[in-house]
C-alpha cells in the first residue's frame, strides 16, 4: 500500500533545490488550488498532496489511507508508457465515481523539474460534480433566475430528467417544463445582450 504524507513537502533531491521561501510559496500555491493535487515519486510514494487531494482520495477509496488503487494504476500505466513513447508527453485522463456519486476526473502526467534529479508524477483531481454545481450557481445569477428557477436549473445542469426534477422539488412535470421554458428565455436574452 502506498502511504500519503501531508507533512513532507518534497523528497530531498527537490527540497535541496528550493529556498525555504520558495518552498513555502509553492506549498501555499498547491493548497490554494480548487483541484486536488498529488505528487508521486516513481515508486508510488506520495511526496505531497494538498488538502483537496487528500479529501478526494478518501472519497475515491474510503478504506484506504493512501493513494487509491485506481490512481496508482494510472500512474503505473504512465510509467510503462515512457519506454513505449519516449518522445511524447502523455497525459492520462479517466473519470471515476466516488462515494456519494460525485464524478471525479483524474489526470496523470509527468512533472519534470529541471533542477531535480528525479521525475515525478503529477495527479490532478477535479470534482466535476461540484464544478458543475458552481457553474450552475453562477449561471443562475447571470440569468437572473428566481429561487425556484435556480433550484430547477441546478438539477437540470446535473443531468436530471424532468421527472426526477419534479420528484426532487415536489412539483409537477408541467411546472418543471414551464420553469425550463422561462430559464431558456432568460438565457437567450443574456446571450443576445452579450452578442450586441
N, C-alpha and C. Protein backbone atom coordinates (compact mmCIF):
# COMPACT_ATOMS: atom_id res chain seq x y z
N UNK A 1 0.85 -1.18 0.00
CA UNK A 1 0.00 0.00 0.00
C UNK A 1 0.88 1.23 0.00
N UNK A 2 0.49 2.22 -0.77
CA UNK A 2 1.22 3.48 -0.86
C UNK A 2 0.66 4.41 0.20
N UNK A 3 1.53 5.02 0.96
CA UNK A 3 1.06 5.91 2.01
C UNK A 3 1.24 7.36 1.59
N UNK A 4 0.38 8.20 2.13
CA UNK A 4 0.44 9.62 1.84
C UNK A 4 1.01 10.34 3.04
N UNK A 5 1.76 11.36 2.77
CA UNK A 5 2.32 12.16 3.85
C UNK A 5 1.97 13.61 3.62
N UNK A 6 1.29 14.20 4.57
CA UNK A 6 0.95 15.62 4.41
C UNK A 6 2.03 16.50 5.02
N UNK A 7 2.95 15.92 5.77
CA UNK A 7 3.97 16.74 6.40
C UNK A 7 5.21 16.90 5.54
N UNK A 8 5.43 16.03 4.58
CA UNK A 8 6.60 16.11 3.72
C UNK A 8 6.23 16.88 2.47
N UNK A 9 6.95 17.95 2.21
CA UNK A 9 6.65 18.74 1.02
C UNK A 9 7.23 18.08 -0.22
N UNK A 10 8.51 17.81 -0.23
CA UNK A 10 9.17 17.17 -1.35
C UNK A 10 10.27 16.27 -0.82
N UNK A 11 10.69 15.34 -1.67
CA UNK A 11 11.81 14.49 -1.28
C UNK A 11 13.09 15.32 -1.25
N UNK A 12 14.14 14.78 -0.70
CA UNK A 12 15.39 15.52 -0.52
C UNK A 12 15.96 16.10 -1.81
N UNK A 13 16.02 15.37 -2.94
CA UNK A 13 16.62 15.98 -4.12
C UNK A 13 15.92 17.27 -4.54
N UNK A 14 14.63 17.32 -4.45
CA UNK A 14 13.91 18.52 -4.85
C UNK A 14 13.99 19.59 -3.79
N UNK A 15 13.89 19.18 -2.54
CA UNK A 15 13.88 20.14 -1.46
C UNK A 15 15.18 20.94 -1.43
N UNK A 16 16.29 20.30 -1.75
CA UNK A 16 17.57 20.99 -1.69
C UNK A 16 17.70 22.04 -2.79
N UNK A 17 16.87 21.97 -3.83
CA UNK A 17 16.95 22.94 -4.91
C UNK A 17 16.10 24.17 -4.66
N UNK A 18 15.26 24.15 -3.66
CA UNK A 18 14.37 25.28 -3.38
C UNK A 18 14.78 25.97 -2.10
N UNK A 19 14.70 27.30 -2.11
CA UNK A 19 14.93 28.03 -0.87
C UNK A 19 13.72 27.82 0.03
N UNK A 20 13.87 28.16 1.29
CA UNK A 20 12.76 27.99 2.23
C UNK A 20 11.55 28.82 1.80
N UNK A 21 11.78 30.07 1.37
CA UNK A 21 10.65 30.92 0.97
C UNK A 21 9.99 30.39 -0.30
N UNK A 22 10.78 29.83 -1.25
CA UNK A 22 10.20 29.22 -2.45
C UNK A 22 9.37 28.01 -2.08
N UNK A 23 9.86 27.22 -1.14
CA UNK A 23 9.17 26.02 -0.69
C UNK A 23 7.82 26.39 -0.05
N UNK A 24 7.83 27.41 0.80
CA UNK A 24 6.60 27.86 1.46
C UNK A 24 5.63 28.41 0.43
N UNK A 25 6.15 29.19 -0.52
CA UNK A 25 5.31 29.77 -1.57
C UNK A 25 4.68 28.67 -2.41
N UNK A 26 5.47 27.68 -2.82
CA UNK A 26 4.97 26.60 -3.65
C UNK A 26 3.90 25.79 -2.90
N UNK A 27 4.12 25.54 -1.63
CA UNK A 27 3.14 24.81 -0.84
C UNK A 27 1.83 25.59 -0.74
N UNK A 28 1.92 26.92 -0.57
CA UNK A 28 0.71 27.76 -0.50
C UNK A 28 -0.04 27.74 -1.82
N UNK A 29 0.69 27.76 -2.93
CA UNK A 29 0.05 27.72 -4.25
C UNK A 29 -0.70 26.40 -4.41
N UNK A 30 -0.05 25.29 -4.08
CA UNK A 30 -0.68 23.98 -4.23
C UNK A 30 -1.92 23.85 -3.34
N UNK A 31 -1.86 24.38 -2.14
CA UNK A 31 -3.01 24.32 -1.24
C UNK A 31 -4.15 25.19 -1.73
N UNK A 32 -3.84 26.24 -2.49
CA UNK A 32 -4.85 27.16 -2.97
C UNK A 32 -5.65 26.65 -4.16
N UNK A 33 -5.19 25.58 -4.80
CA UNK A 33 -5.92 25.05 -5.95
C UNK A 33 -7.26 24.48 -5.52
N UNK A 34 -8.27 24.70 -6.36
CA UNK A 34 -9.58 24.11 -6.11
C UNK A 34 -9.53 22.61 -6.40
N UNK A 35 -8.64 22.21 -7.29
CA UNK A 35 -8.49 20.79 -7.63
C UNK A 35 -7.55 20.12 -6.64
N UNK A 36 -7.71 18.81 -6.53
CA UNK A 36 -6.79 18.04 -5.72
C UNK A 36 -5.49 17.84 -6.47
N UNK A 37 -4.38 17.91 -5.76
CA UNK A 37 -3.06 17.72 -6.36
C UNK A 37 -2.31 16.67 -5.56
N UNK A 38 -1.76 15.69 -6.26
CA UNK A 38 -0.87 14.71 -5.67
C UNK A 38 0.42 14.71 -6.47
N UNK A 39 1.54 14.66 -5.80
CA UNK A 39 2.82 14.49 -6.47
C UNK A 39 3.41 13.19 -5.96
N UNK A 40 3.62 12.26 -6.90
CA UNK A 40 4.12 10.93 -6.55
C UNK A 40 5.52 10.73 -7.10
N UNK A 41 6.34 10.02 -6.34
CA UNK A 41 7.62 9.57 -6.85
C UNK A 41 7.37 8.37 -7.75
N UNK A 42 8.37 7.97 -8.50
CA UNK A 42 8.19 6.85 -9.43
C UNK A 42 7.91 5.53 -8.73
N UNK A 43 8.22 5.44 -7.43
CA UNK A 43 7.92 4.21 -6.70
C UNK A 43 6.50 4.23 -6.11
N UNK A 44 5.77 5.30 -6.36
CA UNK A 44 4.39 5.39 -5.89
C UNK A 44 4.23 6.09 -4.56
N UNK A 45 5.33 6.47 -3.94
CA UNK A 45 5.21 7.17 -2.66
C UNK A 45 4.74 8.60 -2.91
N UNK A 46 3.88 9.06 -2.04
CA UNK A 46 3.31 10.40 -2.19
C UNK A 46 4.27 11.41 -1.58
N UNK A 47 4.78 12.29 -2.42
CA UNK A 47 5.70 13.32 -1.98
C UNK A 47 4.94 14.49 -1.39
N UNK A 48 3.82 14.81 -2.01
CA UNK A 48 2.99 15.90 -1.50
C UNK A 48 1.55 15.70 -1.97
N UNK A 49 0.62 16.12 -1.14
CA UNK A 49 -0.79 16.17 -1.53
C UNK A 49 -1.41 17.37 -0.85
N UNK A 50 -2.22 18.11 -1.59
CA UNK A 50 -2.90 19.22 -0.94
C UNK A 50 -4.15 18.69 -0.23
N UNK A 51 -4.78 19.54 0.54
CA UNK A 51 -5.93 19.11 1.35
C UNK A 51 -7.05 18.55 0.47
N UNK A 52 -7.33 19.22 -0.67
CA UNK A 52 -8.39 18.75 -1.56
C UNK A 52 -8.02 17.39 -2.15
N UNK A 53 -6.74 17.18 -2.45
CA UNK A 53 -6.29 15.89 -2.97
C UNK A 53 -6.52 14.78 -1.97
N UNK A 54 -6.22 15.04 -0.71
CA UNK A 54 -6.43 14.02 0.33
C UNK A 54 -7.92 13.73 0.49
N UNK A 55 -8.75 14.78 0.45
CA UNK A 55 -10.20 14.59 0.61
C UNK A 55 -10.77 13.77 -0.55
N UNK A 56 -10.34 14.08 -1.78
CA UNK A 56 -10.84 13.34 -2.95
C UNK A 56 -10.35 11.90 -2.94
N UNK A 57 -9.14 11.67 -2.47
CA UNK A 57 -8.63 10.30 -2.35
C UNK A 57 -9.49 9.49 -1.38
N UNK A 58 -9.88 10.12 -0.28
CA UNK A 58 -10.75 9.43 0.67
C UNK A 58 -12.12 9.15 0.06
N UNK A 59 -12.61 10.06 -0.77
CA UNK A 59 -13.89 9.82 -1.45
C UNK A 59 -13.79 8.68 -2.45
N UNK A 60 -12.64 8.58 -3.11
CA UNK A 60 -12.46 7.51 -4.10
C UNK A 60 -12.23 6.15 -3.45
N UNK A 61 -11.56 6.16 -2.32
CA UNK A 61 -11.22 4.90 -1.67
C UNK A 61 -11.27 5.08 -0.15
N UNK A 62 -12.48 5.02 0.43
CA UNK A 62 -12.64 5.32 1.86
C UNK A 62 -11.88 4.38 2.79
N UNK A 63 -11.63 3.17 2.36
CA UNK A 63 -10.96 2.20 3.23
C UNK A 63 -9.44 2.27 3.12
N UNK A 64 -8.95 3.09 2.22
CA UNK A 64 -7.52 3.22 2.03
C UNK A 64 -7.06 4.56 2.54
N UNK A 65 -5.94 4.59 3.23
CA UNK A 65 -5.40 5.86 3.73
C UNK A 65 -4.20 6.28 2.91
N UNK A 66 -4.16 5.84 1.68
CA UNK A 66 -3.07 6.21 0.78
C UNK A 66 -3.62 6.57 -0.57
N UNK A 67 -2.75 6.48 -1.56
CA UNK A 67 -3.16 6.75 -2.92
C UNK A 67 -4.12 5.65 -3.35
N UNK A 68 -5.33 5.99 -3.79
CA UNK A 68 -6.29 4.96 -4.19
C UNK A 68 -5.71 4.08 -5.31
N UNK A 69 -6.02 2.80 -5.27
CA UNK A 69 -5.50 1.88 -6.29
C UNK A 69 -5.82 2.32 -7.72
N UNK A 70 -6.97 2.93 -7.94
CA UNK A 70 -7.33 3.36 -9.30
C UNK A 70 -6.38 4.45 -9.79
N UNK A 71 -5.92 5.33 -8.89
CA UNK A 71 -5.00 6.39 -9.29
C UNK A 71 -3.59 5.85 -9.50
N UNK A 72 -3.18 4.94 -8.62
CA UNK A 72 -1.84 4.36 -8.77
C UNK A 72 -1.77 3.51 -10.04
N UNK A 73 -2.88 2.87 -10.41
CA UNK A 73 -2.90 2.10 -11.67
C UNK A 73 -2.66 3.04 -12.85
N UNK A 74 -3.24 4.23 -12.83
CA UNK A 74 -2.99 5.21 -13.89
C UNK A 74 -1.52 5.62 -13.90
N UNK A 75 -0.96 5.81 -12.71
CA UNK A 75 0.45 6.17 -12.61
C UNK A 75 1.35 5.08 -13.18
N UNK A 76 1.03 3.83 -12.88
CA UNK A 76 1.83 2.72 -13.42
C UNK A 76 1.73 2.66 -14.93
N UNK A 77 0.54 2.93 -15.49
CA UNK A 77 0.39 2.94 -16.95
C UNK A 77 1.26 4.04 -17.57
N UNK A 78 1.31 5.19 -16.92
CA UNK A 78 2.14 6.27 -17.43
C UNK A 78 3.62 5.89 -17.36
N UNK A 79 4.01 5.25 -16.26
CA UNK A 79 5.40 4.79 -16.14
C UNK A 79 5.75 3.80 -17.24
N UNK A 80 4.85 2.86 -17.51
CA UNK A 80 5.08 1.87 -18.56
C UNK A 80 5.13 2.51 -19.94
N UNK A 81 4.38 3.58 -20.14
CA UNK A 81 4.32 4.22 -21.46
C UNK A 81 5.60 4.97 -21.79
N UNK A 82 6.41 5.27 -20.78
CA UNK A 82 7.63 6.04 -21.02
C UNK A 82 8.56 5.31 -21.99
N UNK A 83 8.66 3.99 -21.85
CA UNK A 83 9.51 3.22 -22.75
C UNK A 83 8.89 3.09 -24.14
N UNK A 84 7.58 3.01 -24.20
CA UNK A 84 6.90 2.86 -25.48
C UNK A 84 6.87 4.15 -26.29
N UNK A 85 6.71 5.29 -25.60
CA UNK A 85 6.59 6.59 -26.26
C UNK A 85 7.56 7.58 -25.63
N UNK A 86 8.86 7.37 -25.79
CA UNK A 86 9.83 8.23 -25.09
C UNK A 86 9.81 9.69 -25.54
N UNK A 87 9.35 9.96 -26.75
CA UNK A 87 9.37 11.33 -27.27
C UNK A 87 8.04 12.06 -27.11
N UNK A 88 7.09 11.45 -26.43
CA UNK A 88 5.77 12.05 -26.27
C UNK A 88 5.50 12.35 -24.80
N UNK A 89 4.90 13.49 -24.56
CA UNK A 89 4.49 13.85 -23.22
C UNK A 89 3.02 13.49 -23.07
N UNK A 90 2.77 12.31 -22.54
CA UNK A 90 1.40 11.81 -22.44
C UNK A 90 0.72 12.33 -21.18
N UNK A 91 -0.58 12.51 -21.30
CA UNK A 91 -1.42 12.85 -20.15
C UNK A 91 -2.56 11.83 -20.16
N UNK A 92 -2.66 11.06 -19.10
CA UNK A 92 -3.74 10.08 -18.99
C UNK A 92 -4.90 10.71 -18.22
N UNK A 93 -6.10 10.51 -18.73
CA UNK A 93 -7.30 11.07 -18.10
C UNK A 93 -8.33 9.97 -17.94
N UNK A 94 -8.95 9.94 -16.78
CA UNK A 94 -10.01 8.96 -16.53
C UNK A 94 -11.00 9.56 -15.55
N UNK A 95 -12.25 9.13 -15.65
CA UNK A 95 -13.29 9.60 -14.74
C UNK A 95 -13.72 8.46 -13.84
N UNK A 96 -13.89 8.78 -12.57
CA UNK A 96 -14.30 7.80 -11.57
C UNK A 96 -15.54 8.31 -10.84
N UNK A 97 -16.33 7.39 -10.33
CA UNK A 97 -17.46 7.75 -9.49
C UNK A 97 -17.07 7.48 -8.05
N UNK A 98 -17.10 8.52 -7.24
CA UNK A 98 -16.69 8.43 -5.84
C UNK A 98 -17.88 8.05 -4.98
N UNK A 99 -17.61 7.86 -3.69
CA UNK A 99 -18.67 7.60 -2.73
C UNK A 99 -19.65 8.77 -2.79
N UNK A 100 -20.91 8.53 -2.75
CA UNK A 100 -21.90 9.58 -2.82
C UNK A 100 -22.26 9.99 -4.24
N UNK A 101 -21.60 9.38 -5.22
CA UNK A 101 -21.96 9.61 -6.61
C UNK A 101 -21.23 10.75 -7.32
N UNK A 102 -20.35 11.46 -6.63
CA UNK A 102 -19.61 12.53 -7.30
C UNK A 102 -18.74 11.96 -8.41
N UNK A 103 -18.67 12.71 -9.51
CA UNK A 103 -17.81 12.33 -10.63
C UNK A 103 -16.47 13.03 -10.46
N UNK A 104 -15.41 12.24 -10.40
CA UNK A 104 -14.06 12.77 -10.20
C UNK A 104 -13.24 12.50 -11.45
N UNK A 105 -12.68 13.57 -12.03
CA UNK A 105 -11.81 13.40 -13.20
C UNK A 105 -10.37 13.44 -12.72
N UNK A 106 -9.61 12.41 -13.09
CA UNK A 106 -8.21 12.31 -12.72
C UNK A 106 -7.35 12.47 -13.96
N UNK A 107 -6.28 13.25 -13.82
CA UNK A 107 -5.30 13.43 -14.89
C UNK A 107 -3.93 13.12 -14.31
N UNK A 108 -3.18 12.28 -15.02
CA UNK A 108 -1.83 11.92 -14.57
C UNK A 108 -0.86 12.32 -15.67
N UNK A 109 0.19 13.02 -15.28
CA UNK A 109 1.21 13.43 -16.24
C UNK A 109 2.56 13.50 -15.55
N UNK A 110 3.60 13.63 -16.37
CA UNK A 110 4.94 13.77 -15.82
C UNK A 110 5.15 15.16 -15.28
N UNK A 111 5.88 15.25 -14.20
CA UNK A 111 6.28 16.53 -13.64
C UNK A 111 7.81 16.54 -13.65
N UNK A 112 8.36 17.10 -14.69
CA UNK A 112 9.81 17.18 -14.82
C UNK A 112 10.28 18.54 -14.35
N UNK A 113 11.12 18.53 -13.35
CA UNK A 113 11.67 19.78 -12.84
C UNK A 113 13.14 19.85 -13.26
N UNK A 114 13.54 20.91 -13.93
CA UNK A 114 14.89 20.98 -14.48
C UNK A 114 16.00 20.79 -13.46
N UNK A 115 15.79 21.27 -12.23
CA UNK A 115 16.85 21.19 -11.24
C UNK A 115 16.79 19.91 -10.40
N UNK A 116 15.82 19.05 -10.65
CA UNK A 116 15.68 17.82 -9.85
C UNK A 116 16.27 16.64 -10.60
N UNK A 117 16.86 15.73 -9.86
CA UNK A 117 17.45 14.55 -10.48
C UNK A 117 16.39 13.49 -10.79
N UNK A 118 15.27 13.55 -10.11
CA UNK A 118 14.19 12.58 -10.33
C UNK A 118 13.05 13.22 -11.11
N UNK A 119 12.21 12.36 -11.69
CA UNK A 119 10.97 12.85 -12.27
C UNK A 119 9.83 12.37 -11.37
N UNK A 120 8.76 13.11 -11.41
CA UNK A 120 7.63 12.83 -10.56
C UNK A 120 6.37 12.70 -11.39
N UNK A 121 5.34 12.12 -10.80
CA UNK A 121 4.03 12.04 -11.42
C UNK A 121 3.15 13.10 -10.76
N UNK A 122 2.49 13.89 -11.58
CA UNK A 122 1.55 14.89 -11.09
C UNK A 122 0.15 14.37 -11.37
N UNK A 123 -0.63 14.21 -10.31
CA UNK A 123 -2.02 13.77 -10.45
C UNK A 123 -2.90 14.93 -10.02
N UNK A 124 -3.77 15.36 -10.94
CA UNK A 124 -4.74 16.39 -10.58
C UNK A 124 -6.12 15.74 -10.56
N UNK A 125 -6.91 16.10 -9.57
CA UNK A 125 -8.24 15.54 -9.35
C UNK A 125 -9.26 16.67 -9.33
N UNK A 126 -10.25 16.56 -10.19
CA UNK A 126 -11.30 17.57 -10.23
C UNK A 126 -12.63 16.92 -9.88
N UNK A 127 -13.32 17.49 -8.91
CA UNK A 127 -14.66 17.05 -8.59
C UNK A 127 -15.60 17.71 -9.59
N UNK A 128 -15.90 16.99 -10.68
CA UNK A 128 -16.70 17.57 -11.75
C UNK A 128 -18.13 17.85 -11.31
N UNK A 129 -18.64 17.09 -10.37
CA UNK A 129 -19.99 17.33 -9.86
C UNK A 129 -20.05 18.69 -9.17
N UNK A 130 -19.06 18.97 -8.35
CA UNK A 130 -19.02 20.26 -7.64
C UNK A 130 -18.76 21.40 -8.63
N UNK A 131 -17.90 21.18 -9.62
CA UNK A 131 -17.63 22.22 -10.62
C UNK A 131 -18.89 22.57 -11.40
N UNK A 132 -19.65 21.54 -11.76
CA UNK A 132 -20.89 21.76 -12.49
C UNK A 132 -21.90 22.53 -11.63
N UNK A 133 -21.97 22.19 -10.36
CA UNK A 133 -22.87 22.88 -9.43
C UNK A 133 -22.48 24.35 -9.31
N UNK A 134 -21.19 24.63 -9.19
CA UNK A 134 -20.71 26.01 -9.08
C UNK A 134 -21.05 26.79 -10.35
N UNK A 135 -20.84 26.17 -11.51
CA UNK A 135 -21.18 26.82 -12.79
C UNK A 135 -22.66 27.14 -12.85
N UNK A 136 -23.48 26.19 -12.42
CA UNK A 136 -24.93 26.40 -12.45
C UNK A 136 -25.34 27.54 -11.51
N UNK A 137 -24.69 27.65 -10.35
CA UNK A 137 -24.98 28.76 -9.44
C UNK A 137 -24.63 30.10 -10.08
N UNK A 138 -23.48 30.16 -10.75
CA UNK A 138 -23.08 31.40 -11.42
C UNK A 138 -24.04 31.74 -12.56
N UNK A 139 -24.47 30.74 -13.29
CA UNK A 139 -25.43 30.96 -14.37
C UNK A 139 -26.76 31.46 -13.82
N UNK A 140 -27.16 30.95 -12.67
CA UNK A 140 -28.42 31.39 -12.07
C UNK A 140 -28.37 32.89 -11.77
N UNK A 141 -27.23 33.37 -11.32
CA UNK A 141 -27.06 34.81 -11.07
C UNK A 141 -27.02 35.56 -12.40
N UNK A 142 -26.24 35.03 -13.35
CA UNK A 142 -26.09 35.68 -14.65
C UNK A 142 -27.42 35.82 -15.37
N UNK A 143 -28.26 34.80 -15.28
CA UNK A 143 -29.55 34.81 -15.98
C UNK A 143 -30.66 35.43 -15.14
N UNK A 144 -30.32 35.86 -13.91
CA UNK A 144 -31.29 36.48 -13.01
C UNK A 144 -32.49 35.56 -12.76
N UNK A 145 -32.19 34.32 -12.38
CA UNK A 145 -33.24 33.33 -12.13
C UNK A 145 -33.87 33.55 -10.77
N UNK A 146 -35.14 33.23 -10.68
CA UNK A 146 -35.83 33.26 -9.39
C UNK A 146 -35.29 32.11 -8.54
N UNK A 147 -35.53 32.11 -7.23
CA UNK A 147 -35.05 30.99 -6.40
C UNK A 147 -35.54 29.63 -6.90
N UNK A 148 -36.79 29.54 -7.32
CA UNK A 148 -37.32 28.25 -7.79
C UNK A 148 -36.69 27.86 -9.12
N UNK A 149 -36.53 28.84 -10.01
CA UNK A 149 -35.86 28.56 -11.29
C UNK A 149 -34.43 28.09 -11.04
N UNK A 150 -33.78 28.70 -10.06
CA UNK A 150 -32.41 28.28 -9.71
C UNK A 150 -32.41 26.82 -9.27
N UNK A 151 -33.35 26.43 -8.43
CA UNK A 151 -33.43 25.03 -7.98
C UNK A 151 -33.60 24.09 -9.16
N UNK A 152 -34.49 24.46 -10.08
CA UNK A 152 -34.73 23.63 -11.27
C UNK A 152 -33.47 23.58 -12.12
N UNK A 153 -32.81 24.73 -12.30
CA UNK A 153 -31.62 24.81 -13.15
C UNK A 153 -30.47 23.97 -12.59
N UNK A 154 -30.28 24.01 -11.27
CA UNK A 154 -29.21 23.21 -10.66
C UNK A 154 -29.41 21.73 -10.94
N UNK A 155 -30.63 21.28 -10.83
CA UNK A 155 -30.90 19.86 -11.09
C UNK A 155 -30.80 19.54 -12.58
N UNK A 156 -31.24 20.45 -13.41
CA UNK A 156 -31.17 20.21 -14.86
C UNK A 156 -29.72 20.14 -15.33
N UNK A 157 -28.88 21.03 -14.80
CA UNK A 157 -27.45 21.03 -15.15
C UNK A 157 -26.75 19.79 -14.62
N UNK A 158 -27.35 19.15 -13.62
CA UNK A 158 -26.81 17.88 -13.10
C UNK A 158 -27.35 16.70 -13.89
N UNK A 159 -27.92 16.99 -15.07
CA UNK A 159 -28.44 15.97 -16.00
C UNK A 159 -29.62 15.20 -15.44
N UNK A 160 -30.40 15.83 -14.59
CA UNK A 160 -31.61 15.19 -14.08
C UNK A 160 -32.73 15.34 -15.11
N UNK A 161 -33.56 14.32 -15.22
CA UNK A 161 -34.70 14.37 -16.14
C UNK A 161 -35.80 15.24 -15.54
N UNK A 162 -36.77 15.59 -16.37
CA UNK A 162 -37.89 16.39 -15.87
C UNK A 162 -38.61 15.65 -14.74
N UNK A 163 -38.79 14.35 -14.89
CA UNK A 163 -39.46 13.56 -13.84
C UNK A 163 -38.66 13.61 -12.54
N UNK A 164 -37.34 13.46 -12.64
CA UNK A 164 -36.50 13.49 -11.44
C UNK A 164 -36.54 14.86 -10.76
N UNK A 165 -36.53 15.91 -11.56
CA UNK A 165 -36.61 17.26 -11.00
C UNK A 165 -37.94 17.46 -10.29
N UNK A 166 -39.02 17.03 -10.94
CA UNK A 166 -40.36 17.16 -10.35
C UNK A 166 -40.43 16.44 -9.01
N UNK A 167 -39.91 15.23 -8.95
CA UNK A 167 -39.94 14.46 -7.69
C UNK A 167 -39.08 15.12 -6.62
N UNK A 168 -37.89 15.60 -7.01
CA UNK A 168 -36.99 16.20 -6.03
C UNK A 168 -37.55 17.49 -5.44
N UNK A 169 -38.27 18.25 -6.26
CA UNK A 169 -38.78 19.55 -5.81
C UNK A 169 -40.27 19.53 -5.44
N UNK A 170 -40.88 18.34 -5.51
CA UNK A 170 -42.30 18.18 -5.17
C UNK A 170 -43.19 19.10 -6.00
N UNK A 171 -42.92 19.11 -7.31
CA UNK A 171 -43.74 19.88 -8.25
C UNK A 171 -44.12 18.97 -9.41
N UNK A 172 -45.01 19.43 -10.26
CA UNK A 172 -45.42 18.60 -11.40
C UNK A 172 -44.42 18.74 -12.54
N UNK A 173 -44.46 17.80 -13.45
CA UNK A 173 -43.59 17.84 -14.63
C UNK A 173 -43.92 19.07 -15.47
N UNK A 174 -45.20 19.42 -15.56
CA UNK A 174 -45.59 20.61 -16.31
C UNK A 174 -44.99 21.88 -15.70
N UNK A 175 -44.91 21.92 -14.39
CA UNK A 175 -44.29 23.07 -13.72
C UNK A 175 -42.79 23.11 -14.05
N UNK A 176 -42.16 21.96 -14.08
CA UNK A 176 -40.74 21.89 -14.45
C UNK A 176 -40.57 22.42 -15.88
N UNK A 177 -41.42 21.97 -16.78
CA UNK A 177 -41.35 22.43 -18.17
C UNK A 177 -41.51 23.94 -18.27
N UNK A 178 -42.45 24.49 -17.49
CA UNK A 178 -42.67 25.93 -17.51
C UNK A 178 -41.42 26.68 -17.01
N UNK A 179 -40.81 26.17 -15.94
CA UNK A 179 -39.59 26.80 -15.42
C UNK A 179 -38.45 26.72 -16.44
N UNK A 180 -38.29 25.58 -17.07
CA UNK A 180 -37.23 25.42 -18.08
C UNK A 180 -37.47 26.38 -19.25
N UNK A 181 -38.71 26.54 -19.65
CA UNK A 181 -39.04 27.47 -20.73
C UNK A 181 -38.66 28.90 -20.34
N UNK A 182 -38.98 29.30 -19.10
CA UNK A 182 -38.63 30.63 -18.61
C UNK A 182 -37.11 30.80 -18.52
N UNK A 183 -36.43 29.76 -18.05
CA UNK A 183 -34.97 29.82 -17.93
C UNK A 183 -34.34 29.99 -19.31
N UNK A 184 -34.81 29.21 -20.28
CA UNK A 184 -34.25 29.31 -21.63
C UNK A 184 -34.49 30.68 -22.24
N UNK A 185 -35.63 31.29 -21.95
CA UNK A 185 -35.91 32.64 -22.44
C UNK A 185 -34.92 33.64 -21.82
N UNK A 186 -34.67 33.51 -20.53
CA UNK A 186 -33.72 34.40 -19.85
C UNK A 186 -32.31 34.18 -20.37
N UNK A 187 -31.95 32.93 -20.64
CA UNK A 187 -30.63 32.63 -21.19
C UNK A 187 -30.46 33.27 -22.56
N UNK A 188 -31.47 33.12 -23.42
CA UNK A 188 -31.40 33.72 -24.76
C UNK A 188 -31.23 35.24 -24.67
N UNK A 189 -31.96 35.84 -23.75
CA UNK A 189 -31.90 37.29 -23.57
C UNK A 189 -30.48 37.71 -23.20
N UNK A 190 -29.85 37.00 -22.27
CA UNK A 190 -28.48 37.32 -21.85
C UNK A 190 -27.50 37.10 -23.00
N UNK A 191 -27.66 36.02 -23.71
CA UNK A 191 -26.77 35.71 -24.85
C UNK A 191 -26.89 36.79 -25.92
N UNK A 192 -28.10 37.25 -26.20
CA UNK A 192 -28.31 38.29 -27.21
C UNK A 192 -27.68 39.60 -26.76
N UNK A 193 -27.83 39.93 -25.46
CA UNK A 193 -27.21 41.15 -24.94
C UNK A 193 -25.69 41.09 -25.03
N UNK A 194 -25.13 39.93 -24.77
CA UNK A 194 -23.68 39.76 -24.84
C UNK A 194 -23.18 39.83 -26.28
N UNK A 195 -24.01 39.39 -27.21
CA UNK A 195 -23.62 39.39 -28.62
C UNK A 195 -23.60 40.80 -29.20
N UNK A 196 -24.41 41.70 -28.63
CA UNK A 196 -24.50 43.08 -29.16
C UNK A 196 -23.56 44.00 -28.51
